[in-house]
């Protein structure tokens, strides 16, 4: 089971705060949408399937990564990891992720290292 700092159904995004800086996106498909408007680096990891892998990518591969959001659409199958810097304001944090995985997927979000917890 996922650690308590992994929030299922949430995104590290808060309306009213805008988006935190997107540092990188990792996909498990090399043919995935490039998401040009997302900014940041693109990465490919064919084994990407679990939120814990997204946390490790945040820790090990993306300098400045403080939070991550992960979505998977099992029927595609496609998994995507969004690697983000922290908000400047401590009052900004997580919100419910409506329609993740195109509305058919499952999503999680969390900190680079458990123990950092912004507000819900």
N, C-alpha and C. Protein backbone atom coordinates (compact mmCIF):
# COMPACT_ATOMS: atom_id res chain seq x y z
N UNK A 1 0.84 -1.20 0.00
CA UNK A 1 0.00 0.00 0.00
C UNK A 1 0.88 1.25 0.00
N UNK A 2 0.32 2.34 -0.45
CA UNK A 2 1.08 3.59 -0.57
C UNK A 2 1.31 4.21 0.80
N UNK A 3 2.44 4.90 0.97
CA UNK A 3 2.69 5.61 2.23
C UNK A 3 1.65 6.70 2.47
N UNK A 4 1.45 7.11 3.73
CA UNK A 4 0.43 8.12 4.03
C UNK A 4 0.66 9.46 3.36
N UNK A 5 1.90 9.76 2.96
CA UNK A 5 2.13 11.06 2.30
C UNK A 5 1.74 11.02 0.83
N UNK A 6 1.35 9.86 0.30
CA UNK A 6 0.84 9.76 -1.08
C UNK A 6 -0.67 9.99 -1.02
N UNK A 7 -1.14 11.06 -1.65
CA UNK A 7 -2.55 11.41 -1.58
C UNK A 7 -3.25 10.98 -2.86
N UNK A 8 -4.06 9.93 -2.76
CA UNK A 8 -4.77 9.45 -3.94
C UNK A 8 -5.92 10.39 -4.26
N UNK A 9 -6.04 10.72 -5.57
CA UNK A 9 -7.13 11.59 -6.01
C UNK A 9 -6.82 13.07 -5.91
N UNK A 10 -5.58 13.40 -5.54
CA UNK A 10 -5.20 14.81 -5.39
C UNK A 10 -4.07 15.17 -6.36
N UNK A 11 -4.00 16.48 -6.65
CA UNK A 11 -2.93 17.04 -7.47
C UNK A 11 -2.21 18.08 -6.62
N UNK A 12 -0.90 18.25 -6.83
CA UNK A 12 -0.20 19.36 -6.20
C UNK A 12 -0.48 20.60 -7.06
N UNK A 13 -1.65 21.16 -6.82
CA UNK A 13 -2.15 22.32 -7.55
C UNK A 13 -3.27 22.90 -6.70
N UNK A 14 -3.36 24.22 -6.66
CA UNK A 14 -4.46 24.82 -5.92
C UNK A 14 -5.03 26.00 -6.69
N UNK A 15 -6.34 25.93 -6.99
CA UNK A 15 -6.98 27.07 -7.65
C UNK A 15 -6.75 28.33 -6.81
N UNK A 16 -6.51 29.44 -7.46
CA UNK A 16 -6.23 30.67 -6.74
C UNK A 16 -4.74 30.89 -6.53
N UNK A 17 -3.96 29.82 -6.61
CA UNK A 17 -2.51 29.93 -6.48
C UNK A 17 -1.82 29.81 -7.84
N UNK A 18 -2.59 29.40 -8.85
CA UNK A 18 -1.97 29.10 -10.13
C UNK A 18 -1.23 27.78 -10.03
N UNK A 19 -0.46 27.47 -11.05
CA UNK A 19 0.32 26.22 -11.04
C UNK A 19 1.71 26.50 -10.50
N UNK A 20 2.25 25.56 -9.75
CA UNK A 20 3.66 25.66 -9.39
C UNK A 20 4.49 25.36 -10.64
N UNK A 21 5.76 25.67 -10.62
CA UNK A 21 6.60 25.50 -11.81
C UNK A 21 6.76 24.03 -12.15
N UNK A 22 6.45 23.69 -13.39
CA UNK A 22 6.64 22.32 -13.89
C UNK A 22 8.09 22.17 -14.32
N UNK A 23 8.82 21.30 -13.63
CA UNK A 23 10.24 21.12 -13.93
C UNK A 23 10.47 20.05 -14.98
N UNK A 24 9.63 19.01 -14.96
CA UNK A 24 9.81 17.90 -15.90
C UNK A 24 8.55 17.06 -15.94
N UNK A 25 8.41 16.30 -17.01
CA UNK A 25 7.34 15.30 -17.14
C UNK A 25 7.99 14.02 -17.63
N UNK A 26 7.70 12.93 -16.94
CA UNK A 26 8.16 11.60 -17.38
C UNK A 26 6.94 10.79 -17.81
N UNK A 27 7.07 10.10 -18.94
CA UNK A 27 6.03 9.22 -19.46
C UNK A 27 6.57 7.81 -19.58
N UNK A 28 5.65 6.83 -19.63
CA UNK A 28 6.09 5.46 -19.91
C UNK A 28 5.96 5.13 -21.39
N UNK A 29 5.59 6.11 -22.19
CA UNK A 29 5.47 5.92 -23.63
C UNK A 29 6.28 6.97 -24.36
N UNK A 30 7.11 6.55 -25.27
CA UNK A 30 7.94 7.50 -26.00
C UNK A 30 7.12 8.28 -27.03
N UNK A 31 5.92 7.79 -27.36
CA UNK A 31 5.08 8.47 -28.35
C UNK A 31 4.03 9.36 -27.69
N UNK A 32 4.18 9.61 -26.37
CA UNK A 32 3.17 10.39 -25.65
C UNK A 32 3.18 11.85 -26.10
N UNK A 33 2.05 12.50 -25.91
CA UNK A 33 1.88 13.91 -26.20
C UNK A 33 3.01 14.71 -25.56
N UNK A 34 3.62 15.58 -26.30
CA UNK A 34 4.79 16.30 -25.79
C UNK A 34 4.42 17.37 -24.75
N UNK A 35 3.16 17.77 -24.70
CA UNK A 35 2.69 18.75 -23.71
C UNK A 35 3.58 20.00 -23.72
N UNK A 36 3.70 20.60 -24.90
CA UNK A 36 4.59 21.75 -25.05
C UNK A 36 4.24 22.87 -24.07
N UNK A 37 2.97 23.04 -23.76
CA UNK A 37 2.58 24.13 -22.86
C UNK A 37 2.99 23.86 -21.42
N UNK A 38 3.34 22.60 -21.12
CA UNK A 38 3.72 22.26 -19.74
C UNK A 38 5.08 22.81 -19.36
N UNK A 39 5.97 22.99 -20.33
CA UNK A 39 7.31 23.45 -20.02
C UNK A 39 8.13 22.35 -19.37
N UNK A 40 9.37 22.66 -19.09
CA UNK A 40 10.23 21.71 -18.39
C UNK A 40 10.78 20.61 -19.28
N UNK A 41 11.58 19.79 -18.68
CA UNK A 41 12.26 18.70 -19.35
C UNK A 41 11.30 17.54 -19.60
N UNK A 42 11.59 16.74 -20.63
CA UNK A 42 10.81 15.52 -20.87
C UNK A 42 11.68 14.31 -20.62
N UNK A 43 11.09 13.31 -19.99
CA UNK A 43 11.81 12.08 -19.73
C UNK A 43 10.96 10.89 -20.13
N UNK A 44 11.63 9.77 -20.35
CA UNK A 44 10.95 8.54 -20.75
C UNK A 44 11.45 7.40 -19.87
N UNK A 45 10.52 6.66 -19.29
CA UNK A 45 10.85 5.49 -18.48
C UNK A 45 9.79 4.43 -18.76
N UNK A 46 10.14 3.44 -19.55
CA UNK A 46 9.17 2.43 -19.98
C UNK A 46 8.57 1.65 -18.81
N UNK A 47 9.26 1.63 -17.66
CA UNK A 47 8.77 0.85 -16.52
C UNK A 47 7.84 1.65 -15.61
N UNK A 48 7.63 2.93 -15.92
CA UNK A 48 6.82 3.79 -15.04
C UNK A 48 5.39 3.27 -14.94
N UNK A 49 4.97 2.94 -13.71
CA UNK A 49 3.62 2.39 -13.51
C UNK A 49 3.04 2.70 -12.14
N UNK A 50 3.87 3.14 -11.20
CA UNK A 50 3.44 3.30 -9.81
C UNK A 50 3.84 4.69 -9.29
N UNK A 51 3.05 5.23 -8.35
CA UNK A 51 3.39 6.56 -7.82
C UNK A 51 4.73 6.60 -7.11
N UNK A 52 5.15 5.50 -6.49
CA UNK A 52 6.45 5.48 -5.80
C UNK A 52 7.61 5.72 -6.74
N UNK A 53 7.46 5.27 -8.00
CA UNK A 53 8.51 5.52 -9.00
C UNK A 53 8.59 7.01 -9.31
N UNK A 54 7.45 7.66 -9.32
CA UNK A 54 7.39 9.10 -9.59
C UNK A 54 8.12 9.85 -8.47
N UNK A 55 7.92 9.44 -7.23
CA UNK A 55 8.60 10.08 -6.11
C UNK A 55 10.12 9.92 -6.24
N UNK A 56 10.57 8.73 -6.64
CA UNK A 56 12.01 8.49 -6.79
C UNK A 56 12.61 9.33 -7.92
N UNK A 57 11.86 9.48 -9.03
CA UNK A 57 12.33 10.34 -10.12
C UNK A 57 12.48 11.78 -9.60
N UNK A 58 11.52 12.22 -8.81
CA UNK A 58 11.56 13.57 -8.21
C UNK A 58 12.81 13.72 -7.36
N UNK A 59 13.11 12.72 -6.54
CA UNK A 59 14.27 12.78 -5.65
C UNK A 59 15.59 12.74 -6.42
N UNK A 60 15.67 11.86 -7.41
CA UNK A 60 16.97 11.51 -7.99
C UNK A 60 17.30 12.15 -9.33
N UNK A 61 16.30 12.54 -10.10
CA UNK A 61 16.57 12.93 -11.49
C UNK A 61 16.24 14.37 -11.83
N UNK A 62 15.53 15.07 -10.96
CA UNK A 62 15.04 16.41 -11.32
C UNK A 62 15.45 17.42 -10.25
N UNK A 63 16.53 18.15 -10.47
CA UNK A 63 16.97 19.14 -9.48
C UNK A 63 15.87 20.15 -9.16
N UNK A 64 15.66 20.43 -7.89
CA UNK A 64 14.64 21.38 -7.47
C UNK A 64 13.26 20.80 -7.31
N UNK A 65 13.09 19.51 -7.65
CA UNK A 65 11.77 18.90 -7.53
C UNK A 65 11.39 18.77 -6.06
N UNK A 66 10.24 19.31 -5.70
CA UNK A 66 9.75 19.26 -4.32
C UNK A 66 8.46 18.45 -4.20
N UNK A 67 7.67 18.43 -5.27
CA UNK A 67 6.40 17.71 -5.27
C UNK A 67 6.18 17.06 -6.62
N UNK A 68 5.35 16.04 -6.64
CA UNK A 68 5.07 15.32 -7.88
C UNK A 68 3.58 14.99 -7.91
N UNK A 69 3.08 14.84 -9.11
CA UNK A 69 1.72 14.35 -9.35
C UNK A 69 1.83 13.24 -10.39
N UNK A 70 1.05 12.19 -10.21
CA UNK A 70 1.17 11.00 -11.04
C UNK A 70 -0.22 10.55 -11.49
N UNK A 71 -0.36 10.22 -12.77
CA UNK A 71 -1.63 9.67 -13.24
C UNK A 71 -1.36 8.47 -14.12
N UNK A 72 -2.26 7.51 -14.03
CA UNK A 72 -2.13 6.31 -14.86
C UNK A 72 -3.49 5.97 -15.44
N UNK A 73 -3.49 5.62 -16.73
CA UNK A 73 -4.68 5.11 -17.40
C UNK A 73 -4.38 3.66 -17.75
N UNK A 74 -4.84 2.72 -16.94
CA UNK A 74 -4.45 1.32 -17.13
C UNK A 74 -4.84 0.76 -18.49
N UNK A 75 -5.96 1.22 -19.07
CA UNK A 75 -6.41 0.61 -20.32
C UNK A 75 -5.60 1.09 -21.52
N UNK A 76 -4.80 2.16 -21.38
CA UNK A 76 -4.07 2.67 -22.54
C UNK A 76 -2.88 1.77 -22.92
N UNK A 77 -1.96 1.30 -22.06
CA UNK A 77 -1.68 1.84 -20.73
C UNK A 77 -0.73 3.02 -20.82
N UNK A 78 -1.01 4.05 -20.05
CA UNK A 78 -0.12 5.21 -20.02
C UNK A 78 0.01 5.69 -18.59
N UNK A 79 1.23 5.98 -18.21
CA UNK A 79 1.51 6.57 -16.91
C UNK A 79 2.31 7.84 -17.14
N UNK A 80 2.03 8.86 -16.36
CA UNK A 80 2.72 10.14 -16.52
C UNK A 80 3.00 10.72 -15.14
N UNK A 81 4.20 11.24 -15.01
CA UNK A 81 4.67 11.81 -13.76
C UNK A 81 5.01 13.28 -13.99
N UNK A 82 4.36 14.17 -13.24
CA UNK A 82 4.60 15.61 -13.34
C UNK A 82 5.48 16.02 -12.15
N UNK A 83 6.62 16.62 -12.42
CA UNK A 83 7.60 16.94 -11.38
C UNK A 83 7.65 18.45 -11.20
N UNK A 84 7.42 18.91 -9.98
CA UNK A 84 7.11 20.32 -9.75
C UNK A 84 7.97 20.91 -8.64
N UNK A 85 8.19 22.22 -8.74
CA UNK A 85 8.81 22.93 -7.64
C UNK A 85 7.71 23.28 -6.63
N UNK A 86 8.14 23.68 -5.43
CA UNK A 86 7.17 24.05 -4.38
C UNK A 86 6.57 25.42 -4.69
N UNK A 87 5.34 25.63 -4.24
CA UNK A 87 4.75 26.96 -4.30
C UNK A 87 5.57 27.92 -3.42
N UNK A 88 5.57 29.20 -3.78
CA UNK A 88 6.23 30.20 -2.94
C UNK A 88 5.48 30.41 -1.63
N UNK A 89 4.17 30.26 -1.68
CA UNK A 89 3.34 30.50 -0.50
C UNK A 89 3.04 29.20 0.24
N UNK A 90 3.22 29.20 1.54
CA UNK A 90 2.96 28.02 2.36
C UNK A 90 1.46 27.70 2.45
N UNK A 91 0.61 28.64 2.04
CA UNK A 91 -0.83 28.38 2.10
C UNK A 91 -1.32 27.63 0.85
N UNK A 92 -0.45 27.46 -0.14
CA UNK A 92 -0.84 26.75 -1.36
C UNK A 92 -0.40 25.28 -1.25
N UNK A 93 -1.19 24.38 -1.85
CA UNK A 93 -0.85 22.97 -1.75
C UNK A 93 -1.67 22.11 -2.68
N UNK A 94 -2.33 21.10 -2.11
CA UNK A 94 -3.06 20.10 -2.89
C UNK A 94 -4.52 20.48 -3.09
N UNK A 95 -5.09 19.92 -4.16
CA UNK A 95 -6.54 20.00 -4.35
C UNK A 95 -7.00 18.72 -5.06
N UNK A 96 -8.30 18.48 -5.04
CA UNK A 96 -8.85 17.30 -5.69
C UNK A 96 -8.55 17.37 -7.19
N UNK A 97 -8.09 16.26 -7.75
CA UNK A 97 -7.72 16.18 -9.16
C UNK A 97 -8.92 15.66 -9.94
N UNK A 98 -9.70 16.58 -10.50
CA UNK A 98 -10.88 16.19 -11.29
C UNK A 98 -10.44 15.69 -12.66
N UNK A 99 -10.97 14.56 -13.07
CA UNK A 99 -10.74 14.07 -14.42
C UNK A 99 -9.33 13.60 -14.70
N UNK A 100 -8.61 13.13 -13.69
CA UNK A 100 -7.25 12.69 -13.96
C UNK A 100 -7.28 11.45 -14.84
N UNK A 101 -6.21 11.29 -15.60
CA UNK A 101 -6.16 10.16 -16.53
C UNK A 101 -7.26 10.25 -17.56
N UNK A 102 -7.59 11.47 -17.99
CA UNK A 102 -8.66 11.64 -18.96
C UNK A 102 -10.03 11.27 -18.39
N UNK A 103 -10.14 11.25 -17.06
CA UNK A 103 -11.40 10.90 -16.40
C UNK A 103 -11.54 9.42 -16.14
N UNK A 104 -10.59 8.62 -16.65
CA UNK A 104 -10.69 7.17 -16.49
C UNK A 104 -9.55 6.60 -15.67
N UNK A 105 -8.69 7.47 -15.20
CA UNK A 105 -7.47 6.98 -14.57
C UNK A 105 -7.49 7.09 -13.06
N UNK A 106 -6.34 6.84 -12.49
CA UNK A 106 -6.13 6.97 -11.07
C UNK A 106 -4.96 7.91 -10.89
N UNK A 107 -5.00 8.73 -9.86
CA UNK A 107 -3.94 9.69 -9.68
C UNK A 107 -3.53 9.79 -8.22
N UNK A 108 -2.32 10.23 -8.06
CA UNK A 108 -1.75 10.46 -6.73
C UNK A 108 -0.89 11.71 -6.80
N UNK A 109 -0.56 12.23 -5.62
CA UNK A 109 0.36 13.34 -5.52
C UNK A 109 1.08 13.23 -4.20
N UNK A 110 2.26 13.85 -4.11
CA UNK A 110 2.99 13.80 -2.86
C UNK A 110 4.28 14.60 -2.92
N UNK A 111 5.01 14.62 -1.78
CA UNK A 111 6.26 15.36 -1.70
C UNK A 111 7.43 14.52 -2.18
N UNK A 112 8.54 15.20 -2.49
CA UNK A 112 9.76 14.50 -2.87
C UNK A 112 10.18 13.53 -1.77
N UNK A 113 10.05 13.98 -0.54
CA UNK A 113 10.34 13.11 0.61
C UNK A 113 9.21 13.22 1.62
N UNK A 114 8.74 12.11 2.10
CA UNK A 114 7.64 12.13 3.07
C UNK A 114 8.09 12.90 4.31
N UNK A 115 7.17 13.66 4.87
CA UNK A 115 7.49 14.52 5.99
C UNK A 115 7.31 15.98 5.62
N UNK A 116 7.26 16.27 4.31
CA UNK A 116 6.92 17.63 3.84
C UNK A 116 5.45 17.63 3.51
N UNK A 117 4.67 18.39 4.24
CA UNK A 117 3.23 18.32 3.94
C UNK A 117 2.62 19.71 3.85
N UNK A 118 2.36 20.17 2.62
CA UNK A 118 1.62 21.43 2.45
C UNK A 118 0.14 21.21 2.78
N UNK A 119 -0.60 22.27 2.88
CA UNK A 119 -2.02 22.14 3.26
C UNK A 119 -2.87 21.51 2.16
N UNK A 120 -3.94 20.88 2.59
CA UNK A 120 -4.94 20.37 1.63
C UNK A 120 -5.92 21.49 1.33
